[in-house]
Amino acid sequence: MTANTVTEQLTAAGRAIEHDSFAIIDAETGPHAYSADEWPLVRRMIHANADFEFTGLTAFHPRAMLAGLARILAGGTPVVADVEMICVGLSQPRLAHFGITTHHFISDPDVIEAARRDDTTRAVQAMRKAHRRGLLDGAIVGIGNAPTALIEVVRLIHEEGARPALVIGMPVGFVSAAESKDLLMTLDDLPWVAIRGRKGGSTLVVAAVHALLGLAEAHQRAAA
């Protein structure tokens, strides 16, 4: 089978190291309950953190992978992140191949002012701004840092009709992090990927999106 060319490492040495790492993860993990589409996402998160606990901690809505792949393959999909770190961590050539744009508003002056005025967090106001601008609908939303952002996204879905294509909910921390992901996982009619408990982080959101991009390129090749 022809290898991916856009979503792989750019050098043969880099590709060999990544493939060897994935092979080690496969061997050390052994049997698991994830589907053939889900496992590459979990494996890439393990690769990003060398933490095998993500096997088991990672949970998927039944339509999560299908929804994420469909939106990437459709082209022009926005990725809305809670923090700049996610946008910076994503590979620009890989995003460009699918016409994907990234958006974050955490440091915008109007977001900061609204957070001060309303006594909320910047993350809450950033998600509200994304919704006002029409960016949440049909988007892949990635939350890796701020539990309040994830809680607000769920509120926007329930109360204001926001309809992301996929929510990747992986905020890390000790205050409301686990609870925010538990809240996300109560959604039945909207696809999500989440990490149970306190663990998470922006690096994992980046890994999850990169896994989706790799699967999308493989689907493109298979259809060619």
C-alpha atoms as a PDB file:
ATOM      1  CA  MET A   1       0.000   0.000   0.000  1.00  0.00           C
ATOM      2  CA  THR A   2       1.262   3.467  -0.839  1.00  0.00           C
ATOM      3  CA  ALA A   3       2.181   5.424   2.289  1.00  0.00           C
ATOM      4  CA  ASN A   4       0.732   8.781   3.200  1.00  0.00           C
ATOM      5  CA  THR A   5       2.843  11.624   1.850  1.00  0.00           C
ATOM      6  CA  VAL A   6       1.253  14.751   3.343  1.00  0.00           C
ATOM      7  CA  THR A   7       0.582  13.601   6.905  1.00  0.00           C
ATOM      8  CA  GLU A   8       3.833  11.664   7.466  1.00  0.00           C
ATOM      9  CA  GLN A   9       7.226  12.887   8.666  1.00  0.00           C
ATOM     10  CA  LEU A  10       9.131  14.669   5.906  1.00  0.00           C
ATOM     11  CA  THR A  11      12.296  12.533   5.961  1.00  0.00           C
ATOM     12  CA  ALA A  12      12.858   8.800   5.710  1.00  0.00           C
ATOM     13  CA  ALA A  13      14.677   8.830   9.043  1.00  0.00           C
ATOM     14  CA  GLY A  14      11.799  10.660  10.713  1.00  0.00           C
ATOM     15  CA  ARG A  15       9.241   8.278   9.252  1.00  0.00           C
ATOM     16  CA  ALA A  16      11.244   5.253  10.400  1.00  0.00           C
ATOM     17  CA  ILE A  17      11.426   6.533  13.983  1.00  0.00           C
ATOM     18  CA  GLU A  18       7.694   7.282  14.067  1.00  0.00           C
ATOM     19  CA  HIS A  19       6.748   3.919  12.562  1.00  0.00           C
ATOM     20  CA  ASP A  20       9.057   2.073  14.965  1.00  0.00           C
ATOM     21  CA  SER A  21       7.486   3.984  17.860  1.00  0.00           C
ATOM     22  CA  PHE A  22       4.002   3.001  16.733  1.00  0.00           C
ATOM     23  CA  ALA A  23       5.098  -0.638  16.434  1.00  0.00           C
ATOM     24  CA  ILE A  24       6.437  -0.571  20.005  1.00  0.00           C
ATOM     25  CA  ILE A  25       3.177   0.952  21.249  1.00  0.00           C
ATOM     26  CA  ASP A  26       1.164  -1.727  19.426  1.00  0.00           C
ATOM     27  CA  ALA A  27       3.296  -4.504  20.909  1.00  0.00           C
ATOM     28  CA  GLU A  28       3.302  -3.179  24.465  1.00  0.00           C
ATOM     29  CA  THR A  29      -0.414  -2.368  24.468  1.00  0.00           C
ATOM     30  CA  GLY A  30      -1.571  -5.746  23.215  1.00  0.00           C
ATOM     31  CA  PRO A  31      -5.304  -6.441  22.826  1.00  0.00           C
ATOM     32  CA  HIS A  32      -7.673  -3.506  23.265  1.00  0.00           C
ATOM     33  CA  ALA A  33     -11.307  -2.614  22.620  1.00  0.00           C
ATOM     34  CA  TYR A  34     -10.807   0.226  20.121  1.00  0.00           C
ATOM     35  CA  SER A  35     -11.909   0.003  16.496  1.00  0.00           C
ATOM     36  CA  ALA A  36      -9.511   0.102  13.548  1.00  0.00           C
ATOM     37  CA  ASP A  37     -10.280   3.819  13.084  1.00  0.00           C
ATOM     38  CA  GLU A  38     -10.175   4.710  16.785  1.00  0.00           C
ATOM     39  CA  TRP A  39      -6.880   3.031  17.645  1.00  0.00           C
ATOM     40  CA  PRO A  40      -4.623   5.284  15.488  1.00  0.00           C
ATOM     41  CA  LEU A  41      -5.923   8.282  17.441  1.00  0.00           C
ATOM     42  CA  VAL A  42      -5.289   6.647  20.821  1.00  0.00           C
ATOM     43  CA  ARG A  43      -1.886   5.375  19.672  1.00  0.00           C
ATOM     44  CA  ARG A  44      -0.804   8.819  18.518  1.00  0.00           C
ATOM     45  CA  MET A  45      -1.770  10.281  21.901  1.00  0.00           C
ATOM     46  CA  ILE A  46       0.299   7.608  23.632  1.00  0.00           C
ATOM     47  CA  HIS A  47       3.158   8.461  21.269  1.00  0.00           C
ATOM     48  CA  ALA A  48       2.878  12.148  22.230  1.00  0.00           C
ATOM     49  CA  ASN A  49       3.116  11.498  25.973  1.00  0.00           C
ATOM     50  CA  ALA A  50       4.545   7.993  26.438  1.00  0.00           C
ATOM     51  CA  ASP A  51       1.557   7.284  28.665  1.00  0.00           C
ATOM     52  CA  PHE A  52      -0.171   3.959  28.113  1.00  0.00           C
ATOM     53  CA  GLU A  53      -3.039   4.903  30.421  1.00  0.00           C
ATOM     54  CA  PHE A  54      -4.703   6.595  27.471  1.00  0.00           C
ATOM     55  CA  THR A  55      -5.633   3.060  26.442  1.00  0.00           C
ATOM     56  CA  GLY A  56      -8.821   2.833  28.429  1.00  0.00           C
ATOM     57  CA  LEU A  57      -9.054   6.484  29.462  1.00  0.00           C
ATOM     58  CA  THR A  58      -9.894   7.592  25.915  1.00  0.00           C
ATOM     59  CA  ALA A  59     -13.605   7.428  25.109  1.00  0.00           C
ATOM     60  CA  PHE A  60     -15.394   7.864  21.784  1.00  0.00           C
ATOM     61  CA  HIS A  61     -18.936   8.742  20.836  1.00  0.00           C
ATOM     62  CA  PRO A  62     -20.076   6.019  18.390  1.00  0.00           C
ATOM     63  CA  ARG A  63     -20.013   8.460  15.465  1.00  0.00           C
ATOM     64  CA  ALA A  64     -16.890  10.380  16.470  1.00  0.00           C
ATOM     65  CA  MET A  65     -14.404   9.061  13.937  1.00  0.00           C
ATOM     66  CA  LEU A  66     -16.894   9.032  11.068  1.00  0.00           C
ATOM     67  CA  ALA A  67     -17.924  12.621  11.810  1.00  0.00           C
ATOM     68  CA  GLY A  68     -14.365  13.885  12.135  1.00  0.00           C
ATOM     69  CA  LEU A  69     -13.192  12.210   8.930  1.00  0.00           C
ATOM     70  CA  ALA A  70     -16.218  13.439   6.984  1.00  0.00           C
ATOM     71  CA  ARG A  71     -15.616  17.034   7.971  1.00  0.00           C
ATOM     72  CA  ILE A  72     -11.909  16.908   7.154  1.00  0.00           C
ATOM     73  CA  LEU A  73     -12.537  15.278   3.787  1.00  0.00           C
ATOM     74  CA  ALA A  74     -15.206  17.885   2.992  1.00  0.00           C
ATOM     75  CA  GLY A  75     -12.502  20.564   3.062  1.00  0.00           C
ATOM     76  CA  GLY A  76     -12.506  24.044   4.525  1.00  0.00           C
ATOM     77  CA  THR A  77     -13.440  22.916   8.020  1.00  0.00           C
ATOM     78  CA  PRO A  78     -12.540  25.276  10.880  1.00  0.00           C
ATOM     79  CA  VAL A  79     -10.697  23.998  13.939  1.00  0.00           C
ATOM     80  CA  VAL A  80     -11.683  26.098  16.948  1.00  0.00           C
ATOM     81  CA  ALA A  81      -9.291  25.769  19.898  1.00  0.00           C
ATOM     82  CA  ASP A  82      -9.388  27.031  23.449  1.00  0.00           C
ATOM     83  CA  VAL A  83      -5.729  28.107  23.405  1.00  0.00           C
ATOM     84  CA  GLU A  84      -3.126  29.224  20.890  1.00  0.00           C
ATOM     85  CA  MET A  85      -0.879  26.266  21.724  1.00  0.00           C
ATOM     86  CA  ILE A  86      -3.163  23.906  19.799  1.00  0.00           C
ATOM     87  CA  CYS A  87      -3.146  26.085  16.685  1.00  0.00           C
ATOM     88  CA  VAL A  88       0.644  26.445  16.817  1.00  0.00           C
ATOM     89  CA  GLY A  89       1.154  22.711  17.343  1.00  0.00           C
ATOM     90  CA  LEU A  90      -0.852  21.640  14.316  1.00  0.00           C
ATOM     91  CA  SER A  91       1.112  21.043  11.111  1.00  0.00           C
ATOM     92  CA  GLN A  92       0.350  23.841   8.680  1.00  0.00           C
ATOM     93  CA  PRO A  93       1.098  21.769   5.529  1.00  0.00           C
ATOM     94  CA  ARG A  94      -1.234  19.022   6.748  1.00  0.00           C
ATOM     95  CA  LEU A  95      -3.986  21.521   7.500  1.00  0.00           C
ATOM     96  CA  ALA A  96      -3.482  23.263   4.155  1.00  0.00           C
ATOM     97  CA  HIS A  97      -3.882  19.983   2.275  1.00  0.00           C
ATOM     98  CA  PHE A  98      -7.481  19.845   3.509  1.00  0.00           C
ATOM     99  CA  GLY A  99      -8.136  23.598   3.466  1.00  0.00           C
ATOM    100  CA  ILE A 100      -8.511  23.675   7.246  1.00  0.00           C
ATOM    101  CA  THR A 101      -8.341  26.954   9.153  1.00  0.00           C
ATOM    102  CA  THR A 102      -7.579  27.328  12.861  1.00  0.00           C
ATOM    103  CA  HIS A 103      -9.098  29.844  15.261  1.00  0.00           C
ATOM    104  CA  HIS A 104      -8.508  30.870  18.871  1.00  0.00           C
ATOM    105  CA  PHE A 105      -9.670  33.968  20.699  1.00  0.00           C
ATOM    106  CA  ILE A 106      -8.279  33.525  24.213  1.00  0.00           C
ATOM    107  CA  SER A 107      -6.045  36.614  24.059  1.00  0.00           C
ATOM    108  CA  ASP A 108      -8.309  38.966  22.122  1.00  0.00           C
ATOM    109  CA  PRO A 109      -8.791  42.286  23.933  1.00  0.00           C
ATOM    110  CA  ASP A 110     -12.587  42.094  23.701  1.00  0.00           C
ATOM    111  CA  VAL A 111     -12.520  38.575  25.163  1.00  0.00           C
ATOM    112  CA  ILE A 112     -10.379  39.723  28.081  1.00  0.00           C
ATOM    113  CA  GLU A 113     -12.640  42.712  28.706  1.00  0.00           C
ATOM    114  CA  ALA A 114     -15.797  40.587  28.595  1.00  0.00           C
ATOM    115  CA  ALA A 115     -14.292  38.111  31.054  1.00  0.00           C
ATOM    116  CA  ARG A 116     -13.480  40.925  33.475  1.00  0.00           C
ATOM    117  CA  ARG A 117     -16.897  42.513  33.033  1.00  0.00           C
ATOM    118  CA  ASP A 118     -18.878  39.298  33.488  1.00  0.00           C
ATOM    119  CA  ASP A 119     -16.540  37.729  36.071  1.00  0.00           C
ATOM    120  CA  THR A 120     -16.007  34.669  33.888  1.00  0.00           C
ATOM    121  CA  THR A 121     -12.905  33.137  32.344  1.00  0.00           C
ATOM    122  CA  ARG A 122     -11.332  34.184  29.075  1.00  0.00           C
ATOM    123  CA  ALA A 123     -11.946  30.638  27.834  1.00  0.00           C
ATOM    124  CA  VAL A 124     -15.710  31.024  28.305  1.00  0.00           C
ATOM    125  CA  GLN A 125     -15.760  34.300  26.427  1.00  0.00           C
ATOM    126  CA  ALA A 126     -13.562  32.884  23.665  1.00  0.00           C
ATOM    127  CA  MET A 127     -16.077  30.124  22.999  1.00  0.00           C
ATOM    128  CA  ARG A 128     -18.920  32.651  23.020  1.00  0.00           C
ATOM    129  CA  LYS A 129     -17.048  34.764  20.488  1.00  0.00           C
ATOM    130  CA  ALA A 130     -16.481  31.742  18.253  1.00  0.00           C
ATOM    131  CA  HIS A 131     -20.210  31.008  18.402  1.00  0.00           C
ATOM    132  CA  ARG A 132     -21.179  34.621  17.619  1.00  0.00           C
ATOM    133  CA  ARG A 133     -18.924  34.487  14.573  1.00  0.00           C
ATOM    134  CA  GLY A 134     -20.585  31.272  13.365  1.00  0.00           C
ATOM    135  CA  LEU A 135     -17.403  29.244  13.695  1.00  0.00           C
ATOM    136  CA  LEU A 136     -18.645  26.480  15.976  1.00  0.00           C
ATOM    137  CA  ASP A 137     -21.227  25.072  13.577  1.00  0.00           C
ATOM    138  CA  GLY A 138     -19.636  22.302  11.537  1.00  0.00           C
ATOM    139  CA  ALA A 139     -16.291  22.811  13.265  1.00  0.00           C
ATOM    140  CA  ILE A 140     -13.880  20.478  14.967  1.00  0.00           C
ATOM    141  CA  VAL A 141     -13.603  21.993  18.440  1.00  0.00           C
ATOM    142  CA  GLY A 142     -10.449  21.151  20.390  1.00  0.00           C
ATOM    143  CA  ILE A 143     -10.276  21.856  24.123  1.00  0.00           C
ATOM    144  CA  GLY A 144      -6.990  20.882  25.780  1.00  0.00           C
ATOM    145  CA  ASN A 145      -6.395  23.435  28.501  1.00  0.00           C
ATOM    146  CA  ALA A 146      -9.533  25.075  29.900  1.00  0.00           C
ATOM    147  CA  PRO A 147     -12.340  23.034  31.474  1.00  0.00           C
ATOM    148  CA  THR A 148     -14.511  26.165  31.508  1.00  0.00           C
ATOM    149  CA  ALA A 149     -14.248  26.309  27.711  1.00  0.00           C
ATOM    150  CA  LEU A 150     -15.568  22.767  27.415  1.00  0.00           C
ATOM    151  CA  ILE A 151     -18.383  23.418  29.865  1.00  0.00           C
ATOM    152  CA  GLU A 152     -19.321  26.505  27.861  1.00  0.00           C
ATOM    153  CA  VAL A 153     -19.298  24.574  24.566  1.00  0.00           C
ATOM    154  CA  VAL A 154     -21.730  22.053  26.046  1.00  0.00           C
ATOM    155  CA  ARG A 155     -23.922  24.922  27.275  1.00  0.00           C
ATOM    156  CA  LEU A 156     -23.861  26.537  23.837  1.00  0.00           C
ATOM    157  CA  ILE A 157     -24.915  23.225  22.316  1.00  0.00           C
ATOM    158  CA  HIS A 158     -27.804  22.773  24.747  1.00  0.00           C
ATOM    159  CA  GLU A 159     -29.018  26.360  25.068  1.00  0.00           C
ATOM    160  CA  GLU A 160     -27.994  28.244  21.934  1.00  0.00           C
ATOM    161  CA  GLY A 161     -28.085  25.591  19.229  1.00  0.00           C
ATOM    162  CA  ALA A 162     -24.368  25.352  18.475  1.00  0.00           C
ATOM    163  CA  ARG A 163     -23.649  22.306  16.307  1.00  0.00           C
ATOM    164  CA  PRO A 164     -19.974  21.397  16.084  1.00  0.00           C
ATOM    165  CA  ALA A 165     -19.155  18.436  13.871  1.00  0.00           C
ATOM    166  CA  LEU A 166     -16.879  16.970  16.545  1.00  0.00           C
ATOM    167  CA  VAL A 167     -15.748  18.060  20.005  1.00  0.00           C
ATOM    168  CA  ILE A 168     -12.342  16.829  21.153  1.00  0.00           C
ATOM    169  CA  GLY A 169     -12.589  17.413  24.902  1.00  0.00           C
ATOM    170  CA  MET A 170      -9.272  16.861  26.686  1.00  0.00           C
ATOM    171  CA  PRO A 171      -8.712  19.652  29.231  1.00  0.00           C
ATOM    172  CA  VAL A 172      -6.108  18.830  31.860  1.00  0.00           C
ATOM    173  CA  GLY A 173      -6.226  19.844  35.491  1.00  0.00           C
ATOM    174  CA  PHE A 174      -7.647  19.539  38.981  1.00  0.00           C
ATOM    175  CA  VAL A 175     -10.563  21.986  39.015  1.00  0.00           C
ATOM    176  CA  SER A 176     -13.531  20.858  36.892  1.00  0.00           C
ATOM    177  CA  ALA A 177     -11.359  19.029  34.333  1.00  0.00           C
ATOM    178  CA  ALA A 178     -12.804  15.558  34.949  1.00  0.00           C
ATOM    179  CA  GLU A 179     -16.274  16.997  35.467  1.00  0.00           C
ATOM    180  CA  SER A 180     -16.201  18.931  32.189  1.00  0.00           C
ATOM    181  CA  LYS A 181     -15.380  15.763  30.272  1.00  0.00           C
ATOM    182  CA  ASP A 182     -18.069  13.808  32.095  1.00  0.00           C
ATOM    183  CA  LEU A 183     -20.498  16.525  30.993  1.00  0.00           C
ATOM    184  CA  LEU A 184     -19.340  16.247  27.374  1.00  0.00           C
ATOM    185  CA  MET A 185     -19.821  12.492  27.432  1.00  0.00           C
ATOM    186  CA  THR A 186     -23.505  12.920  28.288  1.00  0.00           C
ATOM    187  CA  LEU A 187     -24.133  14.222  24.758  1.00  0.00           C
ATOM    188  CA  ASP A 188     -25.901  11.535  22.749  1.00  0.00           C
ATOM    189  CA  ASP A 189     -26.610  13.368  19.502  1.00  0.00           C
ATOM    190  CA  LEU A 190     -23.297  15.134  18.918  1.00  0.00           C
ATOM    191  CA  PRO A 191     -19.976  13.331  18.333  1.00  0.00           C
ATOM    192  CA  TRP A 192     -17.096  13.707  20.784  1.00  0.00           C
ATOM    193  CA  VAL A 193     -13.761  12.260  21.834  1.00  0.00           C
ATOM    194  CA  ALA A 194     -12.764  12.621  25.482  1.00  0.00           C
ATOM    195  CA  ILE A 195     -10.226  11.512  28.072  1.00  0.00           C
ATOM    196  CA  ARG A 196     -11.743  10.428  31.360  1.00  0.00           C
ATOM    197  CA  GLY A 197     -10.369  11.956  34.536  1.00  0.00           C
ATOM    198  CA  ARG A 198      -7.789  14.667  35.136  1.00  0.00           C
ATOM    199  CA  LYS A 199      -5.351  13.848  32.367  1.00  0.00           C
ATOM    200  CA  GLY A 200      -5.333  15.726  29.074  1.00  0.00           C
ATOM    201  CA  GLY A 201      -3.629  18.688  27.496  1.00  0.00           C
ATOM    202  CA  SER A 202      -3.188  20.649  24.302  1.00  0.00           C
ATOM    203  CA  THR A 203      -0.537  18.205  23.057  1.00  0.00           C
ATOM    204  CA  LEU A 204      -3.151  15.459  23.073  1.00  0.00           C
ATOM    205  CA  VAL A 205      -5.640  17.522  21.085  1.00  0.00           C
ATOM    206  CA  VAL A 206      -2.917  18.152  18.509  1.00  0.00           C
ATOM    207  CA  ALA A 207      -2.147  14.432  18.397  1.00  0.00           C
ATOM    208  CA  ALA A 208      -5.840  13.595  17.962  1.00  0.00           C
ATOM    209  CA  VAL A 209      -6.272  16.045  15.088  1.00  0.00           C
ATOM    210  CA  HIS A 210      -3.085  14.797  13.407  1.00  0.00           C
ATOM    211  CA  ALA A 211      -4.405  11.251  13.679  1.00  0.00           C
ATOM    212  CA  LEU A 212      -7.636  12.317  11.984  1.00  0.00           C
ATOM    213  CA  LEU A 213      -5.658  14.033   9.218  1.00  0.00           C
ATOM    214  CA  GLY A 214      -3.612  10.891   8.631  1.00  0.00           C
ATOM    215  CA  LEU A 215      -6.723   8.728   8.415  1.00  0.00           C
ATOM    216  CA  ALA A 216      -8.320  11.257   6.063  1.00  0.00           C
ATOM    217  CA  GLU A 217      -5.341  11.125   3.711  1.00  0.00           C
ATOM    218  CA  ALA A 218      -5.485   7.334   3.726  1.00  0.00           C
ATOM    219  CA  HIS A 219      -9.171   7.543   2.763  1.00  0.00           C
ATOM    220  CA  GLN A 220      -8.277   9.936  -0.054  1.00  0.00           C
ATOM    221  CA  ARG A 221      -5.682   7.511  -1.391  1.00  0.00           C
ATOM    222  CA  ALA A 222      -8.064   4.577  -1.173  1.00  0.00           C
ATOM    223  CA  ALA A 223     -10.675   6.509  -3.159  1.00  0.00           C
ATOM    224  CA  ALA A 224      -8.236   7.674  -5.848  1.00  0.00           C
END
